[in-house]
Amino acid sequence: MRHDWIFDVLTDLRGYAEKNGLPAIAQQAEIALAVARKELTEKTKSEQAGEDQTQS
């Protein structure tokens, strides 16, 4: 997946926030990670479905 870097950035942000006593930012980074997982999974499935249709 070409968007994998976003998970690294959000994970680093969450870790930084946790280590520096910024719980609201850590929580929001966790939410952003969940959204990214869901959205990028859906995008990948959609792109794969489109490839399957063009190959038929």
PDB file of N, CA and C in Angstrom:
ATOM      1  N   MET A   1       0.848  -1.173   0.000  1.00  0.00           N
ATOM      2  CA  MET A   1       0.000   0.000   0.000  1.00  0.00           C
ATOM      3  C   MET A   1       0.896   1.240   0.000  1.00  0.00           C
ATOM      4  N   ARG A   2       0.622   2.140  -0.880  1.00  0.00           N
ATOM      5  CA  ARG A   2       1.482   3.317  -1.006  1.00  0.00           C
ATOM      6  C   ARG A   2       1.263   4.360   0.071  1.00  0.00           C
ATOM      7  N   HIS A   3       0.289   4.144   0.929  1.00  0.00           N
ATOM      8  CA  HIS A   3      -0.018   5.105   1.991  1.00  0.00           C
ATOM      9  C   HIS A   3       0.479   4.643   3.361  1.00  0.00           C
ATOM     10  N   ASP A   4       1.309   3.622   3.410  1.00  0.00           N
ATOM     11  CA  ASP A   4       1.760   3.075   4.689  1.00  0.00           C
ATOM     12  C   ASP A   4       2.458   4.097   5.573  1.00  0.00           C
ATOM     13  N   TRP A   5       3.089   5.066   4.988  1.00  0.00           N
ATOM     14  CA  TRP A   5       3.835   6.062   5.765  1.00  0.00           C
ATOM     15  C   TRP A   5       2.946   6.788   6.769  1.00  0.00           C
ATOM     16  N   ILE A   6       1.662   6.946   6.437  1.00  0.00           N
ATOM     17  CA  ILE A   6       0.773   7.683   7.337  1.00  0.00           C
ATOM     18  C   ILE A   6       0.645   6.982   8.684  1.00  0.00           C
ATOM     19  N   PHE A   7       0.705   5.649   8.675  1.00  0.00           N
ATOM     20  CA  PHE A   7       0.620   4.900   9.928  1.00  0.00           C
ATOM     21  C   PHE A   7       1.847   5.161  10.794  1.00  0.00           C
ATOM     22  N   ASP A   8       3.000   5.263  10.167  1.00  0.00           N
ATOM     23  CA  ASP A   8       4.229   5.566  10.910  1.00  0.00           C
ATOM     24  C   ASP A   8       4.147   6.950  11.553  1.00  0.00           C
ATOM     25  N   VAL A   9       3.673   7.923  10.798  1.00  0.00           N
ATOM     26  CA  VAL A   9       3.575   9.290  11.309  1.00  0.00           C
ATOM     27  C   VAL A   9       2.606   9.367  12.480  1.00  0.00           C
ATOM     28  N   LEU A  10       1.434   8.770  12.317  1.00  0.00           N
ATOM     29  CA  LEU A  10       0.433   8.826  13.380  1.00  0.00           C
ATOM     30  C   LEU A  10       0.867   8.045  14.617  1.00  0.00           C
ATOM     31  N   THR A  11       1.549   6.929  14.406  1.00  0.00           N
ATOM     32  CA  THR A  11       2.063   6.142  15.535  1.00  0.00           C
ATOM     33  C   THR A  11       3.134   6.928  16.284  1.00  0.00           C
ATOM     34  N   ASP A  12       4.015   7.590  15.544  1.00  0.00           N
ATOM     35  CA  ASP A  12       5.040   8.427  16.178  1.00  0.00           C
ATOM     36  C   ASP A  12       4.404   9.579  16.961  1.00  0.00           C
ATOM     37  N   LEU A  13       3.393  10.201  16.380  1.00  0.00           N
ATOM     38  CA  LEU A  13       2.702  11.291  17.056  1.00  0.00           C
ATOM     39  C   LEU A  13       2.051  10.804  18.346  1.00  0.00           C
ATOM     40  N   ARG A  14       1.402   9.669  18.283  1.00  0.00           N
ATOM     41  CA  ARG A  14       0.769   9.110  19.480  1.00  0.00           C
ATOM     42  C   ARG A  14       1.810   8.819  20.549  1.00  0.00           C
ATOM     43  N   GLY A  15       2.927   8.199  20.164  1.00  0.00           N
ATOM     44  CA  GLY A  15       3.991   7.891  21.114  1.00  0.00           C
ATOM     45  C   GLY A  15       4.581   9.141  21.742  1.00  0.00           C
ATOM     46  N   TYR A  16       4.813  10.157  20.933  1.00  0.00           N
ATOM     47  CA  TYR A  16       5.336  11.416  21.440  1.00  0.00           C
ATOM     48  C   TYR A  16       4.377  12.018  22.462  1.00  0.00           C
ATOM     49  N   ALA A  17       3.109  12.031  22.116  1.00  0.00           N
ATOM     50  CA  ALA A  17       2.104  12.608  23.006  1.00  0.00           C
ATOM     51  C   ALA A  17       2.030  11.834  24.321  1.00  0.00           C
ATOM     52  N   GLU A  18       2.066  10.532  24.243  1.00  0.00           N
ATOM     53  CA  GLU A  18       2.011   9.713  25.463  1.00  0.00           C
ATOM     54  C   GLU A  18       3.213   9.981  26.370  1.00  0.00           C
ATOM     55  N   LYS A  19       4.392  10.081  25.773  1.00  0.00           N
ATOM     56  CA  LYS A  19       5.613  10.288  26.556  1.00  0.00           C
ATOM     57  C   LYS A  19       5.712  11.691  27.141  1.00  0.00           C
ATOM     58  N   ASN A  20       4.965  12.614  26.577  1.00  0.00           N
ATOM     59  CA  ASN A  20       5.072  14.009  27.003  1.00  0.00           C
ATOM     60  C   ASN A  20       3.817  14.529  27.698  1.00  0.00           C
ATOM     61  N   GLY A  21       3.019  13.608  28.199  1.00  0.00           N
ATOM     62  CA  GLY A  21       1.861  14.011  28.991  1.00  0.00           C
ATOM     63  C   GLY A  21       0.799  14.768  28.228  1.00  0.00           C
ATOM     64  N   LEU A  22       0.568  14.355  26.993  1.00  0.00           N
ATOM     65  CA  LEU A  22      -0.433  15.003  26.149  1.00  0.00           C
ATOM     66  C   LEU A  22      -1.508  13.978  25.775  1.00  0.00           C
ATOM     67  N   PRO A  23      -2.321  13.601  26.746  1.00  0.00           N
ATOM     68  CA  PRO A  23      -3.263  12.498  26.514  1.00  0.00           C
ATOM     69  C   PRO A  23      -4.332  12.785  25.464  1.00  0.00           C
ATOM     70  N   ALA A  24      -4.778  14.028  25.352  1.00  0.00           N
ATOM     71  CA  ALA A  24      -5.802  14.328  24.344  1.00  0.00           C
ATOM     72  C   ALA A  24      -5.241  14.163  22.933  1.00  0.00           C
ATOM     73  N   ILE A  25      -4.007  14.596  22.741  1.00  0.00           N
ATOM     74  CA  ILE A  25      -3.378  14.422  21.432  1.00  0.00           C
ATOM     75  C   ILE A  25      -3.156  12.943  21.155  1.00  0.00           C
ATOM     76  N   ALA A  26      -2.721  12.198  22.154  1.00  0.00           N
ATOM     77  CA  ALA A  26      -2.525  10.757  21.985  1.00  0.00           C
ATOM     78  C   ALA A  26      -3.834  10.082  21.599  1.00  0.00           C
ATOM     79  N   GLN A  27      -4.911  10.478  22.253  1.00  0.00           N
ATOM     80  CA  GLN A  27      -6.216   9.894  21.959  1.00  0.00           C
ATOM     81  C   GLN A  27      -6.662  10.244  20.531  1.00  0.00           C
ATOM     82  N   GLN A  28      -6.450  11.467  20.138  1.00  0.00           N
ATOM     83  CA  GLN A  28      -6.834  11.876  18.786  1.00  0.00           C
ATOM     84  C   GLN A  28      -5.979  11.178  17.726  1.00  0.00           C
ATOM     85  N   ALA A  29      -4.707  10.957  18.036  1.00  0.00           N
ATOM     86  CA  ALA A  29      -3.847  10.217  17.103  1.00  0.00           C
ATOM     87  C   ALA A  29      -4.340   8.785  16.959  1.00  0.00           C
ATOM     88  N   GLU A  30      -4.796   8.184  18.049  1.00  0.00           N
ATOM     89  CA  GLU A  30      -5.342   6.832  17.997  1.00  0.00           C
ATOM     90  C   GLU A  30      -6.604   6.796  17.145  1.00  0.00           C
ATOM     91  N   ILE A  31      -7.440   7.798  17.300  1.00  0.00           N
ATOM     92  CA  ILE A  31      -8.645   7.894  16.473  1.00  0.00           C
ATOM     93  C   ILE A  31      -8.261   8.049  15.004  1.00  0.00           C
ATOM     94  N   ALA A  32      -7.288   8.900  14.740  1.00  0.00           N
ATOM     95  CA  ALA A  32      -6.827   9.095  13.363  1.00  0.00           C
ATOM     96  C   ALA A  32      -6.267   7.804  12.778  1.00  0.00           C
ATOM     97  N   LEU A  33      -5.563   7.018  13.593  1.00  0.00           N
ATOM     98  CA  LEU A  33      -5.060   5.722  13.126  1.00  0.00           C
ATOM     99  C   LEU A  33      -6.211   4.798  12.737  1.00  0.00           C
ATOM    100  N   ALA A  34      -7.246   4.758  13.549  1.00  0.00           N
ATOM    101  CA  ALA A  34      -8.404   3.907  13.244  1.00  0.00           C
ATOM    102  C   ALA A  34      -9.084   4.358  11.953  1.00  0.00           C
ATOM    103  N   VAL A  35      -9.234   5.668  11.801  1.00  0.00           N
ATOM    104  CA  VAL A  35      -9.840   6.199  10.575  1.00  0.00           C
ATOM    105  C   VAL A  35      -8.973   5.853   9.366  1.00  0.00           C
ATOM    106  N   ALA A  36      -7.680   6.026   9.494  1.00  0.00           N
ATOM    107  CA  ALA A  36      -6.766   5.721   8.388  1.00  0.00           C
ATOM    108  C   ALA A  36      -6.840   4.245   8.005  1.00  0.00           C
ATOM    109  N   ARG A  37      -6.852   3.364   9.005  1.00  0.00           N
ATOM    110  CA  ARG A  37      -6.966   1.926   8.707  1.00  0.00           C
ATOM    111  C   ARG A  37      -8.235   1.641   7.917  1.00  0.00           C
ATOM    112  N   LYS A  38      -9.345   2.173   8.394  1.00  0.00           N
ATOM    113  CA  LYS A  38     -10.638   1.919   7.754  1.00  0.00           C
ATOM    114  C   LYS A  38     -10.679   2.509   6.347  1.00  0.00           C
ATOM    115  N   GLU A  39     -10.310   3.761   6.240  1.00  0.00           N
ATOM    116  CA  GLU A  39     -10.406   4.444   4.956  1.00  0.00           C
ATOM    117  C   GLU A  39      -9.469   3.835   3.910  1.00  0.00           C
ATOM    118  N   LEU A  40      -8.255   3.544   4.315  1.00  0.00           N
ATOM    119  CA  LEU A  40      -7.303   3.001   3.348  1.00  0.00           C
ATOM    120  C   LEU A  40      -7.621   1.557   2.985  1.00  0.00           C
ATOM    121  N   THR A  41      -8.200   0.803   3.918  1.00  0.00           N
ATOM    122  CA  THR A  41      -8.646  -0.551   3.597  1.00  0.00           C
ATOM    123  C   THR A  41      -9.760  -0.486   2.558  1.00  0.00           C
ATOM    124  N   GLU A  42     -10.721   0.410   2.775  1.00  0.00           N
ATOM    125  CA  GLU A  42     -11.820   0.574   1.822  1.00  0.00           C
ATOM    126  C   GLU A  42     -11.308   1.042   0.463  1.00  0.00           C
ATOM    127  N   LYS A  43     -10.364   1.956   0.477  1.00  0.00           N
ATOM    128  CA  LYS A  43      -9.802   2.470  -0.775  1.00  0.00           C
ATOM    129  C   LYS A  43      -9.093   1.355  -1.538  1.00  0.00           C
ATOM    130  N   THR A  44      -8.339   0.550  -0.836  1.00  0.00           N
ATOM    131  CA  THR A  44      -7.627  -0.558  -1.467  1.00  0.00           C
ATOM    132  C   THR A  44      -8.611  -1.562  -2.064  1.00  0.00           C
ATOM    133  N   LYS A  45      -9.653  -1.895  -1.304  1.00  0.00           N
ATOM    134  CA  LYS A  45     -10.672  -2.826  -1.810  1.00  0.00           C
ATOM    135  C   LYS A  45     -11.352  -2.268  -3.047  1.00  0.00           C
ATOM    136  N   SER A  46     -11.666  -0.983  -3.011  1.00  0.00           N
ATOM    137  CA  SER A  46     -12.311  -0.333  -4.144  1.00  0.00           C
ATOM    138  C   SER A  46     -11.408  -0.348  -5.376  1.00  0.00           C
ATOM    139  N   GLU A  47     -10.142  -0.053  -5.166  1.00  0.00           N
ATOM    140  CA  GLU A  47      -9.188  -0.055  -6.282  1.00  0.00           C
ATOM    141  C   GLU A  47      -9.022  -1.454  -6.841  1.00  0.00           C
ATOM    142  N   GLN A  48      -8.977  -2.459  -5.968  1.00  0.00           N
ATOM    143  CA  GLN A  48      -8.846  -3.839  -6.425  1.00  0.00           C
ATOM    144  C   GLN A  48     -10.083  -4.280  -7.190  1.00  0.00           C
ATOM    145  N   ALA A  49     -11.250  -3.869  -6.736  1.00  0.00           N
ATOM    146  CA  ALA A  49     -12.488  -4.206  -7.437  1.00  0.00           C
ATOM    147  C   ALA A  49     -12.486  -3.580  -8.819  1.00  0.00           C
ATOM    148  N   GLY A  50     -11.996  -2.354  -8.904  1.00  0.00           N
ATOM    149  CA  GLY A  50     -11.904  -1.677 -10.204  1.00  0.00           C
ATOM    150  C   GLY A  50     -10.946  -2.384 -11.137  1.00  0.00           C
ATOM    151  N   GLU A  51      -9.838  -2.874 -10.604  1.00  0.00           N
ATOM    152  CA  GLU A  51      -8.877  -3.627 -11.424  1.00  0.00           C
ATOM    153  C   GLU A  51      -9.488  -4.923 -11.899  1.00  0.00           C
ATOM    154  N   ASP A  52     -10.245  -5.590 -11.035  1.00  0.00           N
ATOM    155  CA  ASP A  52     -10.882  -6.848 -11.413  1.00  0.00           C
ATOM    156  C   ASP A  52     -11.878  -6.623 -12.542  1.00  0.00           C
ATOM    157  N   GLN A  53     -12.607  -5.506 -12.501  1.00  0.00           N
ATOM    158  CA  GLN A  53     -13.592  -5.224 -13.540  1.00  0.00           C
ATOM    159  C   GLN A  53     -12.929  -4.899 -14.866  1.00  0.00           C
ATOM    160  N   THR A  54     -11.790  -4.235 -14.852  1.00  0.00           N
ATOM    161  CA  THR A  54     -11.114  -3.877 -16.092  1.00  0.00           C
ATOM    162  C   THR A  54     -10.407  -5.073 -16.702  1.00  0.00           C
ATOM    163  N   GLN A  55     -10.116  -6.082 -15.892  1.00  0.00           N
ATOM    164  CA  GLN A  55      -9.446  -7.273 -16.406  1.00  0.00           C
ATOM    165  C   GLN A  55     -10.431  -8.278 -16.974  1.00  0.00           C
ATOM    166  N   SER A  56     -11.712  -8.095 -16.714  1.00  0.00           N
ATOM    167  CA  SER A  56     -12.733  -9.039 -17.200  1.00  0.00           C
ATOM    168  C   SER A  56     -13.027  -8.854 -18.649  1.00  0.00           C
TER     169      SER A  56
END
